[in-house]
N, C-alpha and C. Protein backbone atom coordinates (compact mmCIF):
# COMPACT_ATOMS: atom_id res chain seq x y z
N MET A 1 3.69 -15.19 18.55
CA MET A 1 4.38 -14.87 17.31
C MET A 1 3.62 -13.81 16.50
N VAL A 2 2.30 -14.01 16.39
CA VAL A 2 1.49 -13.05 15.62
C VAL A 2 1.50 -11.68 16.29
N ASN A 3 1.46 -11.67 17.61
CA ASN A 3 1.48 -10.39 18.33
C ASN A 3 2.78 -9.63 18.10
N LYS A 4 3.90 -10.36 18.02
CA LYS A 4 5.18 -9.71 17.77
C LYS A 4 5.23 -9.12 16.36
N ILE A 5 4.71 -9.86 15.39
CA ILE A 5 4.69 -9.35 14.01
C ILE A 5 3.80 -8.12 13.92
N PHE A 6 2.60 -8.19 14.53
CA PHE A 6 1.70 -7.04 14.50
C PHE A 6 2.33 -5.83 15.17
N ALA A 7 2.96 -6.06 16.32
CA ALA A 7 3.59 -4.95 17.05
C ALA A 7 4.70 -4.32 16.23
N SER A 8 5.50 -5.14 15.56
CA SER A 8 6.60 -4.57 14.76
C SER A 8 6.06 -3.80 13.56
N VAL A 9 5.03 -4.32 12.89
CA VAL A 9 4.43 -3.61 11.76
C VAL A 9 3.79 -2.31 12.24
N ALA A 10 3.09 -2.36 13.36
CA ALA A 10 2.46 -1.15 13.91
C ALA A 10 3.51 -0.10 14.27
N ASN A 11 4.63 -0.53 14.83
CA ASN A 11 5.69 0.42 15.17
C ASN A 11 6.29 1.07 13.93
N VAL A 12 6.48 0.28 12.89
CA VAL A 12 7.01 0.84 11.63
C VAL A 12 6.02 1.86 11.07
N LEU A 13 4.73 1.51 11.06
CA LEU A 13 3.72 2.44 10.55
C LEU A 13 3.66 3.72 11.38
N LYS A 14 3.82 3.60 12.69
CA LYS A 14 3.80 4.79 13.54
C LYS A 14 5.00 5.69 13.25
N ARG A 15 6.17 5.09 13.05
CA ARG A 15 7.35 5.89 12.73
C ARG A 15 7.21 6.58 11.38
N VAL A 16 6.72 5.85 10.41
CA VAL A 16 6.53 6.43 9.07
C VAL A 16 5.47 7.52 9.12
N SER A 17 4.43 7.33 9.92
CA SER A 17 3.38 8.35 10.01
C SER A 17 3.91 9.65 10.61
N LYS A 18 4.82 9.54 11.55
CA LYS A 18 5.43 10.76 12.11
C LYS A 18 6.26 11.49 11.07
N GLY A 19 6.94 10.74 10.23
CA GLY A 19 7.79 11.35 9.22
C GLY A 19 7.03 11.94 8.05
N THR A 20 5.87 11.37 7.73
CA THR A 20 5.11 11.84 6.58
C THR A 20 4.04 12.87 6.92
N GLY A 21 3.67 12.96 8.19
CA GLY A 21 2.63 13.90 8.58
C GLY A 21 1.24 13.29 8.48
N LEU A 22 1.14 12.04 8.06
CA LEU A 22 -0.15 11.34 8.04
C LEU A 22 -0.39 10.70 9.40
N SER A 23 -1.65 10.50 9.74
CA SER A 23 -1.93 9.79 10.98
C SER A 23 -1.70 8.29 10.76
N TYR A 24 -1.65 7.56 11.85
CA TYR A 24 -1.44 6.11 11.77
C TYR A 24 -2.57 5.46 10.96
N ASN A 25 -3.80 5.88 11.19
CA ASN A 25 -4.94 5.30 10.48
C ASN A 25 -4.91 5.63 8.99
N GLU A 26 -4.55 6.85 8.65
CA GLU A 26 -4.45 7.22 7.23
C GLU A 26 -3.37 6.41 6.53
N LEU A 27 -2.25 6.26 7.16
CA LEU A 27 -1.16 5.48 6.58
C LEU A 27 -1.55 4.01 6.47
N ASN A 28 -2.28 3.51 7.43
CA ASN A 28 -2.78 2.14 7.39
C ASN A 28 -3.65 1.92 6.15
N VAL A 29 -4.53 2.87 5.87
CA VAL A 29 -5.41 2.76 4.69
C VAL A 29 -4.57 2.80 3.42
N VAL A 30 -3.62 3.70 3.34
CA VAL A 30 -2.77 3.80 2.15
C VAL A 30 -2.02 2.49 1.92
N VAL A 31 -1.46 1.93 2.96
CA VAL A 31 -0.67 0.70 2.81
C VAL A 31 -1.55 -0.47 2.43
N TYR A 32 -2.63 -0.68 3.16
CA TYR A 32 -3.41 -1.90 2.97
C TYR A 32 -4.41 -1.83 1.83
N TYR A 33 -4.77 -0.64 1.37
CA TYR A 33 -5.71 -0.56 0.25
C TYR A 33 -5.06 -0.13 -1.06
N PHE A 34 -3.83 0.39 -1.02
CA PHE A 34 -3.17 0.82 -2.25
C PHE A 34 -1.86 0.07 -2.49
N ILE A 35 -0.98 0.07 -1.52
CA ILE A 35 0.36 -0.48 -1.75
C ILE A 35 0.35 -2.00 -1.81
N ILE A 36 -0.33 -2.67 -0.89
CA ILE A 36 -0.36 -4.13 -0.92
C ILE A 36 -1.06 -4.65 -2.17
N PRO A 37 -2.23 -4.12 -2.58
CA PRO A 37 -2.81 -4.58 -3.86
C PRO A 37 -1.90 -4.29 -5.06
N LEU A 38 -1.14 -3.21 -5.00
CA LEU A 38 -0.22 -2.91 -6.09
C LEU A 38 0.88 -3.97 -6.17
N THR A 39 1.33 -4.47 -5.02
CA THR A 39 2.33 -5.55 -5.06
C THR A 39 1.75 -6.81 -5.68
N TRP A 40 0.47 -7.07 -5.44
CA TRP A 40 -0.17 -8.23 -6.09
C TRP A 40 -0.24 -8.03 -7.59
N CYS A 41 -0.48 -6.80 -8.03
CA CYS A 41 -0.49 -6.53 -9.46
C CYS A 41 0.88 -6.74 -10.07
N PHE A 42 1.92 -6.34 -9.36
CA PHE A 42 3.28 -6.58 -9.86
C PHE A 42 3.57 -8.07 -9.95
N LEU A 43 3.10 -8.84 -8.97
CA LEU A 43 3.29 -10.29 -9.03
C LEU A 43 2.56 -10.89 -10.22
N LEU A 44 1.31 -10.47 -10.44
CA LEU A 44 0.56 -10.96 -11.60
C LEU A 44 1.22 -10.54 -12.89
N ASP A 45 1.80 -9.35 -12.89
CA ASP A 45 2.52 -8.87 -14.06
C ASP A 45 3.70 -9.78 -14.38
N LYS A 46 4.42 -10.18 -13.36
CA LYS A 46 5.56 -11.07 -13.56
C LYS A 46 5.12 -12.46 -14.01
N ILE A 47 4.02 -12.94 -13.46
CA ILE A 47 3.55 -14.29 -13.80
C ILE A 47 3.04 -14.34 -15.23
N PHE A 48 2.18 -13.39 -15.59
CA PHE A 48 1.53 -13.43 -16.91
C PHE A 48 2.24 -12.57 -17.96
N ARG A 49 3.27 -11.85 -17.55
CA ARG A 49 4.03 -10.98 -18.45
C ARG A 49 3.13 -9.98 -19.19
N ALA A 50 2.23 -9.37 -18.44
CA ALA A 50 1.32 -8.37 -19.00
C ALA A 50 1.36 -7.14 -18.10
N THR A 51 1.26 -5.95 -18.67
CA THR A 51 1.31 -4.74 -17.86
C THR A 51 -0.06 -4.14 -17.60
N LEU A 52 -1.12 -4.78 -18.06
CA LEU A 52 -2.46 -4.23 -17.88
C LEU A 52 -2.85 -4.09 -16.41
N PRO A 53 -2.64 -5.09 -15.54
CA PRO A 53 -3.04 -4.89 -14.14
C PRO A 53 -2.32 -3.73 -13.49
N ASN A 54 -1.02 -3.59 -13.75
CA ASN A 54 -0.27 -2.49 -13.13
C ASN A 54 -0.75 -1.14 -13.62
N ASN A 55 -0.90 -1.00 -14.91
CA ASN A 55 -1.33 0.29 -15.46
C ASN A 55 -2.72 0.65 -14.97
N GLY A 56 -3.61 -0.32 -14.93
CA GLY A 56 -4.97 -0.06 -14.45
C GLY A 56 -4.99 0.33 -12.99
N TRP A 57 -4.24 -0.40 -12.16
CA TRP A 57 -4.23 -0.11 -10.73
C TRP A 57 -3.56 1.23 -10.46
N LEU A 58 -2.48 1.53 -11.15
CA LEU A 58 -1.83 2.82 -10.95
C LEU A 58 -2.75 3.97 -11.35
N ASN A 59 -3.52 3.80 -12.40
CA ASN A 59 -4.47 4.82 -12.84
C ASN A 59 -5.54 5.04 -11.77
N VAL A 60 -6.09 3.96 -11.24
CA VAL A 60 -7.11 4.08 -10.19
C VAL A 60 -6.51 4.73 -8.95
N TRP A 61 -5.31 4.31 -8.57
CA TRP A 61 -4.66 4.85 -7.39
C TRP A 61 -4.38 6.34 -7.55
N PHE A 62 -3.87 6.74 -8.71
CA PHE A 62 -3.55 8.14 -8.94
C PHE A 62 -4.81 9.00 -8.92
N ARG A 63 -5.87 8.53 -9.56
CA ARG A 63 -7.13 9.30 -9.55
C ARG A 63 -7.70 9.41 -8.14
N GLY A 64 -7.63 8.32 -7.39
CA GLY A 64 -8.13 8.35 -6.01
C GLY A 64 -7.30 9.26 -5.14
N PHE A 65 -5.98 9.25 -5.34
CA PHE A 65 -5.10 10.11 -4.56
C PHE A 65 -5.35 11.57 -4.87
N CYS A 66 -5.57 11.90 -6.14
CA CYS A 66 -5.84 13.28 -6.52
C CYS A 66 -7.20 13.73 -6.02
N TRP A 67 -8.13 12.79 -5.90
CA TRP A 67 -9.48 13.13 -5.45
C TRP A 67 -9.47 13.50 -3.97
N MET A 68 -8.54 12.91 -3.20
CA MET A 68 -8.47 13.21 -1.76
C MET A 68 -8.04 14.63 -1.61
């Protein structure tokens, strides 16, 4: 079961990497270090009804993206 989930996620990342021009590894870093933590911030935002985690994470993400 885990192998099927990993294979399907890897296939999606490979397809998206072809469309964006990023390599599979670069896209993996973007998804797992930026997008997934951002979803956790959105969840915390909904739970605590505060926008501080989202604004802070978006600021860090934007600065890091511009630095690349």
